[in-house]
Amino acid sequence: VQLVESGGALVQPGGSLRLSCTTSSNFTFGNYAMAWVRQVPTKGPEWLSEINRDGTTYADSVKGRFTISRDDARNTLHLQMNNLKPEDTAVYYCLGAGYWGQGTQVTVSS
């Protein structure tokens, strides 16, 4: 099973990014809740958001700025990030069924 994140970049404060996570064909994507977490080197992982059959949930730190979505037909998870702040700088990971991707770097800086 492989999860591959993409879309990370350097962006100015107030900017937007859309992260994507694609999964390998041997992962029954539609069967699982999926989530995004992020991590900076000096801290443990921070859970950001989850999407499942019941809906979506968000950490307070990103609520109202980030939107999680999924395309089950394309085995793809997205994270739309708006109004980015320097403190959003981190490596962002998608995860599902205990599997993690390799991460994508998001840097918010002027």
Protein backbone atom coordinates (compact mmCIF):
# COMPACT_ATOMS: atom_id res chain seq x y z
CA VAL A 1 0.00 0.00 0.00
CA GLN A 2 1.28 3.45 -0.91
CA LEU A 3 -0.03 6.88 -0.04
CA VAL A 4 1.62 9.72 -1.93
CA GLU A 5 1.13 13.35 -0.96
CA SER A 6 1.70 16.26 -3.31
CA GLY A 7 1.06 19.97 -3.54
CA GLY A 8 3.35 21.29 -0.85
CA ALA A 9 5.20 24.50 -1.65
CA LEU A 10 6.53 27.79 -0.38
CA VAL A 11 3.69 30.29 -0.05
CA GLN A 12 3.31 33.75 1.44
CA PRO A 13 1.19 34.36 4.53
CA GLY A 14 -2.44 34.67 3.56
CA GLY A 15 -1.96 32.43 0.56
CA SER A 16 -3.57 29.12 -0.34
CA LEU A 17 -2.46 25.64 -1.24
CA ARG A 18 -4.26 22.45 -2.15
CA LEU A 19 -2.67 19.23 -1.04
CA SER A 20 -3.51 15.90 -2.61
CA CYS A 21 -2.96 12.33 -1.51
CA THR A 22 -3.29 9.48 -3.94
CA THR A 23 -3.34 5.86 -2.88
CA SER A 24 -2.27 2.69 -4.60
CA SER A 25 -4.84 0.48 -6.27
CA ASN A 26 -4.45 -2.23 -3.61
CA PHE A 27 -5.82 0.16 -0.98
CA THR A 28 -9.61 0.09 -0.81
CA PHE A 29 -9.75 3.83 -0.34
CA GLY A 30 -13.52 4.12 -0.13
CA ASN A 31 -13.70 1.79 2.86
CA TYR A 32 -11.65 3.95 5.21
CA ALA A 33 -11.74 7.17 7.08
CA MET A 34 -8.86 9.34 5.93
CA ALA A 35 -7.02 12.05 7.77
CA TRP A 36 -4.35 14.71 7.51
CA VAL A 37 -1.73 15.36 10.12
CA ARG A 38 1.32 17.61 10.14
CA GLN A 39 4.60 17.63 11.95
CA VAL A 40 7.43 20.03 12.63
CA PRO A 41 10.82 18.69 13.72
CA THR A 42 10.54 19.89 17.30
CA LYS A 43 7.05 18.52 17.96
CA GLY A 44 5.00 15.38 17.63
CA PRO A 45 2.37 14.93 14.93
CA GLU A 46 -0.59 17.29 15.03
CA TRP A 47 -3.89 15.85 13.85
CA LEU A 48 -5.65 18.30 11.54
CA SER A 49 -8.72 16.80 9.98
CA GLU A 50 -10.58 13.60 9.24
CA ILE A 51 -13.23 12.62 6.72
CA ASN A 52 -15.45 9.58 7.05
CA ARG A 53 -18.98 8.48 6.25
CA ASP A 54 -20.34 10.68 9.02
CA GLY A 55 -18.69 13.83 7.75
CA THR A 56 -15.64 15.89 8.54
CA THR A 57 -13.89 17.09 11.67
CA TYR A 58 -11.15 19.65 12.15
CA ALA A 59 -8.65 20.73 14.74
CA ASP A 60 -9.37 24.15 16.19
CA SER A 61 -6.09 25.41 14.75
CA VAL A 62 -7.32 24.96 11.17
CA LYS A 63 -11.10 25.13 11.47
CA GLY A 64 -12.54 27.65 9.04
CA ARG A 65 -9.32 27.80 7.00
CA PHE A 66 -8.77 24.20 5.85
CA THR A 67 -11.22 21.93 4.04
CA ILE A 68 -10.79 18.20 3.66
CA SER A 69 -12.41 16.34 0.79
CA ARG A 70 -12.16 13.03 -0.98
CA ASP A 71 -12.76 11.60 -4.42
CA ASP A 72 -13.42 7.91 -3.93
CA ALA A 73 -13.57 7.28 -7.68
CA ARG A 74 -9.96 8.52 -7.98
CA ASN A 75 -8.69 7.19 -4.64
CA THR A 76 -7.66 10.72 -3.78
CA LEU A 77 -7.79 12.82 -0.65
CA HIS A 78 -7.46 16.61 -0.69
CA LEU A 79 -6.77 19.36 1.79
CA GLN A 80 -7.60 22.89 0.69
CA MET A 81 -5.67 25.32 2.84
CA ASN A 82 -6.59 29.00 2.84
CA ASN A 83 -5.33 32.00 4.77
CA LEU A 84 -2.09 30.23 5.54
CA LYS A 85 0.00 31.39 8.47
CA PRO A 86 3.69 30.95 9.26
CA GLU A 87 2.73 28.52 12.02
CA ASP A 88 1.23 26.23 9.37
CA THR A 89 4.76 25.48 8.20
CA ALA A 90 5.25 21.71 8.55
CA VAL A 91 5.42 18.44 6.71
CA TYR A 92 1.89 17.32 5.91
CA TYR A 93 0.94 13.65 5.84
CA CYS A 94 -2.17 11.80 4.81
CA LEU A 95 -3.10 8.62 6.58
CA GLY A 96 -5.68 5.92 6.46
CA ALA A 97 -6.06 2.43 7.89
CA GLY A 98 -2.79 2.89 9.72
CA TYR A 99 -0.81 3.76 6.60
CA TRP A 100 1.08 7.03 6.19
CA GLY A 101 2.44 8.75 3.15
CA GLN A 102 5.95 10.19 2.89
CA GLY A 103 4.76 13.74 3.45
CA THR A 104 4.87 17.00 1.55
CA GLN A 105 6.54 20.16 2.82
CA VAL A 106 4.50 23.31 3.29
CA THR A 107 6.41 26.48 4.09
CA VAL A 108 4.59 29.72 4.82
CA SER A 109 6.95 32.66 4.76
CA SER A 110 7.29 36.10 3.28
